[in-house]
Amino acid sequence: MKFSTAIMAIIITAIGGRAEAANLAVIATPPSLMGLVILGLAVAGAVFGFQLLKVVKGGFLARAWQIFAAGFVILALSQLTSLIRATEIAAIPSWVPQVLMVLWAGSFFYAVFETKRVLT
């Protein structure tokens, strides 16, 4: 319940802003290109994670792989919001991608901890 409330607060705050016109020329800059590459890798990691989750369904590592796959989804959302903010498609506060990156790092550390707990 708390997680969904936090997500809704982030969405409402992000939608409340105002954006003028998209600046698509910023996509050619190196930071944005790197963001696109990370976004592509995050989506590929999420797809691979969900496919692997189907293989280990019900196993001891299923929970850890759920967290890993969710982490990849959070990373993709972080990069997507960062690119939307950079191209000025929507007025997203600067803290939203950073909060998503913290959530991503936390989910990955927790998944590693969960994997270590299962394997020891």
C-alpha atoms as a PDB file:
ATOM      1  CA  MET A   1       0.000   0.000   0.000  1.00  0.00           C
ATOM      2  CA  LYS A   2       2.800   2.411   0.871  1.00  0.00           C
ATOM      3  CA  PHE A   3       4.644   1.646  -2.375  1.00  0.00           C
ATOM      4  CA  SER A   4       1.618   2.412  -4.540  1.00  0.00           C
ATOM      5  CA  THR A   5       1.023   5.638  -2.617  1.00  0.00           C
ATOM      6  CA  ALA A   6       4.620   6.704  -3.229  1.00  0.00           C
ATOM      7  CA  ILE A   7       4.352   5.908  -6.945  1.00  0.00           C
ATOM      8  CA  MET A   8       1.116   7.893  -7.223  1.00  0.00           C
ATOM      9  CA  ALA A   9       2.740  10.865  -5.457  1.00  0.00           C
ATOM     10  CA  ILE A  10       5.638  10.779  -7.935  1.00  0.00           C
ATOM     11  CA  ILE A  11       3.262  10.586 -10.911  1.00  0.00           C
ATOM     12  CA  ILE A  12       1.058  13.431  -9.649  1.00  0.00           C
ATOM     13  CA  THR A  13       4.104  15.608  -9.006  1.00  0.00           C
ATOM     14  CA  ALA A  14       5.531  14.848 -12.438  1.00  0.00           C
ATOM     15  CA  ILE A  15       2.255  15.528 -14.250  1.00  0.00           C
ATOM     16  CA  GLY A  16       1.725  18.803 -12.399  1.00  0.00           C
ATOM     17  CA  GLY A  17       4.604  20.464 -14.270  1.00  0.00           C
ATOM     18  CA  ARG A  18       4.473  22.190 -17.601  1.00  0.00           C
ATOM     19  CA  ALA A  19       6.527  21.543 -20.729  1.00  0.00           C
ATOM     20  CA  GLU A  20       6.680  23.689 -23.840  1.00  0.00           C
ATOM     21  CA  ALA A  21       8.134  21.959 -26.911  1.00  0.00           C
ATOM     22  CA  ALA A  22      10.227  18.824 -27.253  1.00  0.00           C
ATOM     23  CA  ASN A  23      13.925  19.396 -27.778  1.00  0.00           C
ATOM     24  CA  LEU A  24      14.726  16.338 -29.880  1.00  0.00           C
ATOM     25  CA  ALA A  25      18.174  17.624 -30.855  1.00  0.00           C
ATOM     26  CA  VAL A  26      19.399  16.770 -27.368  1.00  0.00           C
ATOM     27  CA  ILE A  27      19.156  13.039 -28.237  1.00  0.00           C
ATOM     28  CA  ALA A  28      22.398  13.384 -30.242  1.00  0.00           C
ATOM     29  CA  THR A  29      24.388  14.466 -27.184  1.00  0.00           C
ATOM     30  CA  PRO A  30      26.621  11.799 -25.569  1.00  0.00           C
ATOM     31  CA  PRO A  31      24.779  11.690 -22.196  1.00  0.00           C
ATOM     32  CA  SER A  32      21.451  11.134 -23.946  1.00  0.00           C
ATOM     33  CA  LEU A  33      22.921   8.502 -26.258  1.00  0.00           C
ATOM     34  CA  MET A  34      24.320   6.691 -23.231  1.00  0.00           C
ATOM     35  CA  GLY A  35      20.886   6.944 -21.609  1.00  0.00           C
ATOM     36  CA  LEU A  36      19.351   5.345 -24.709  1.00  0.00           C
ATOM     37  CA  VAL A  37      21.895   2.517 -24.591  1.00  0.00           C
ATOM     38  CA  ILE A  38      21.218   1.928 -20.879  1.00  0.00           C
ATOM     39  CA  LEU A  39      17.465   2.017 -21.558  1.00  0.00           C
ATOM     40  CA  GLY A  40      17.854  -0.635 -24.254  1.00  0.00           C
ATOM     41  CA  LEU A  41      19.997  -2.815 -22.011  1.00  0.00           C
ATOM     42  CA  ALA A  42      17.549  -2.413 -19.118  1.00  0.00           C
ATOM     43  CA  VAL A  43      14.634  -3.498 -21.300  1.00  0.00           C
ATOM     44  CA  ALA A  44      16.666  -6.468 -22.547  1.00  0.00           C
ATOM     45  CA  GLY A  45      17.579  -7.347 -18.947  1.00  0.00           C
ATOM     46  CA  ALA A  46      13.935  -7.152 -17.886  1.00  0.00           C
ATOM     47  CA  VAL A  47      12.832  -9.402 -20.757  1.00  0.00           C
ATOM     48  CA  PHE A  48      15.619 -11.878 -19.994  1.00  0.00           C
ATOM     49  CA  GLY A  49      14.801 -11.739 -16.272  1.00  0.00           C
ATOM     50  CA  PHE A  50      11.126 -12.513 -16.843  1.00  0.00           C
ATOM     51  CA  GLN A  51      12.014 -15.370 -19.199  1.00  0.00           C
ATOM     52  CA  LEU A  52      14.400 -16.779 -16.625  1.00  0.00           C
ATOM     53  CA  LEU A  53      11.732 -16.334 -13.968  1.00  0.00           C
ATOM     54  CA  LYS A  54       9.462 -18.632 -15.995  1.00  0.00           C
ATOM     55  CA  VAL A  55      12.202 -21.281 -15.942  1.00  0.00           C
ATOM     56  CA  VAL A  56      12.808 -21.133 -12.175  1.00  0.00           C
ATOM     57  CA  LYS A  57       9.120 -20.749 -11.263  1.00  0.00           C
ATOM     58  CA  GLY A  58       8.488 -21.948  -7.756  1.00  0.00           C
ATOM     59  CA  GLY A  59      12.167 -22.655  -7.112  1.00  0.00           C
ATOM     60  CA  PHE A  60      14.310 -21.320  -4.329  1.00  0.00           C
ATOM     61  CA  LEU A  61      15.703 -18.503  -6.486  1.00  0.00           C
ATOM     62  CA  ALA A  62      12.331 -17.400  -7.869  1.00  0.00           C
ATOM     63  CA  ARG A  63      11.967 -14.552  -5.372  1.00  0.00           C
ATOM     64  CA  ALA A  64      15.476 -13.267  -6.086  1.00  0.00           C
ATOM     65  CA  TRP A  65      14.835 -13.284  -9.824  1.00  0.00           C
ATOM     66  CA  GLN A  66      11.532 -11.469  -9.317  1.00  0.00           C
ATOM     67  CA  ILE A  67      13.438  -8.727  -7.541  1.00  0.00           C
ATOM     68  CA  PHE A  68      16.136  -8.652 -10.249  1.00  0.00           C
ATOM     69  CA  ALA A  69      13.501  -8.360 -13.000  1.00  0.00           C
ATOM     70  CA  ALA A  70      11.705  -5.619 -11.078  1.00  0.00           C
ATOM     71  CA  GLY A  71      15.039  -3.850 -10.685  1.00  0.00           C
ATOM     72  CA  PHE A  72      15.551  -3.869 -14.446  1.00  0.00           C
ATOM     73  CA  VAL A  73      12.054  -2.425 -14.926  1.00  0.00           C
ATOM     74  CA  ILE A  74      12.832   0.326 -12.403  1.00  0.00           C
ATOM     75  CA  LEU A  75      16.123   1.046 -14.203  1.00  0.00           C
ATOM     76  CA  ALA A  76      14.264   1.315 -17.519  1.00  0.00           C
ATOM     77  CA  LEU A  77      11.737   3.708 -15.948  1.00  0.00           C
ATOM     78  CA  SER A  78      14.576   5.781 -14.530  1.00  0.00           C
ATOM     79  CA  GLN A  79      16.284   6.100 -17.898  1.00  0.00           C
ATOM     80  CA  LEU A  80      12.996   6.798 -19.650  1.00  0.00           C
ATOM     81  CA  THR A  81      12.114   9.601 -17.239  1.00  0.00           C
ATOM     82  CA  SER A  82      15.627  10.975 -17.585  1.00  0.00           C
ATOM     83  CA  LEU A  83      15.327  11.031 -21.387  1.00  0.00           C
ATOM     84  CA  ILE A  84      11.855  12.579 -21.253  1.00  0.00           C
ATOM     85  CA  ARG A  85      13.219  15.254 -18.945  1.00  0.00           C
ATOM     86  CA  ALA A  86      16.264  15.888 -21.173  1.00  0.00           C
ATOM     87  CA  THR A  87      14.200  16.198 -24.344  1.00  0.00           C
ATOM     88  CA  GLU A  88      11.675  18.371 -22.514  1.00  0.00           C
ATOM     89  CA  ILE A  89       8.717  16.278 -23.656  1.00  0.00           C
ATOM     90  CA  ALA A  90       7.250  16.569 -20.149  1.00  0.00           C
ATOM     91  CA  ALA A  91       8.236  18.653 -17.170  1.00  0.00           C
ATOM     92  CA  ILE A  92       9.571  16.010 -14.811  1.00  0.00           C
ATOM     93  CA  PRO A  93      11.269  17.198 -11.624  1.00  0.00           C
ATOM     94  CA  SER A  94      14.997  16.482 -11.511  1.00  0.00           C
ATOM     95  CA  TRP A  95      14.652  14.293  -8.426  1.00  0.00           C
ATOM     96  CA  VAL A  96      12.347  11.686 -10.027  1.00  0.00           C
ATOM     97  CA  PRO A  97      15.042   9.855 -12.070  1.00  0.00           C
ATOM     98  CA  GLN A  98      17.373   9.996  -9.075  1.00  0.00           C
ATOM     99  CA  VAL A  99      14.780   8.480  -6.732  1.00  0.00           C
ATOM    100  CA  LEU A 100      14.154   5.723  -9.278  1.00  0.00           C
ATOM    101  CA  MET A 101      17.919   5.063  -9.449  1.00  0.00           C
ATOM    102  CA  VAL A 102      18.019   4.710  -5.652  1.00  0.00           C
ATOM    103  CA  LEU A 103      15.092   2.266  -5.822  1.00  0.00           C
ATOM    104  CA  TRP A 104      16.918   0.354  -8.564  1.00  0.00           C
ATOM    105  CA  ALA A 105      20.108   0.097  -6.525  1.00  0.00           C
ATOM    106  CA  GLY A 106      18.148  -0.965  -3.453  1.00  0.00           C
ATOM    107  CA  SER A 107      16.296  -3.672  -5.360  1.00  0.00           C
ATOM    108  CA  PHE A 108      19.535  -5.036  -6.814  1.00  0.00           C
ATOM    109  CA  PHE A 109      21.260  -5.100  -3.425  1.00  0.00           C
ATOM    110  CA  TYR A 110      18.244  -6.832  -1.906  1.00  0.00           C
ATOM    111  CA  ALA A 111      18.167  -9.386  -4.750  1.00  0.00           C
ATOM    112  CA  VAL A 112      21.859 -10.152  -4.220  1.00  0.00           C
ATOM    113  CA  PHE A 113      21.203 -10.508  -0.484  1.00  0.00           C
ATOM    114  CA  GLU A 114      18.261 -12.821  -1.178  1.00  0.00           C
ATOM    115  CA  THR A 115      20.360 -14.919  -3.580  1.00  0.00           C
ATOM    116  CA  LYS A 116      23.166 -15.168  -1.010  1.00  0.00           C
ATOM    117  CA  ARG A 117      20.670 -16.205   1.658  1.00  0.00           C
ATOM    118  CA  VAL A 118      19.286 -18.992  -0.528  1.00  0.00           C
ATOM    119  CA  LEU A 119      22.658 -20.288  -1.676  1.00  0.00           C
ATOM    120  CA  THR A 120      24.259 -20.437   1.780  1.00  0.00           C
END
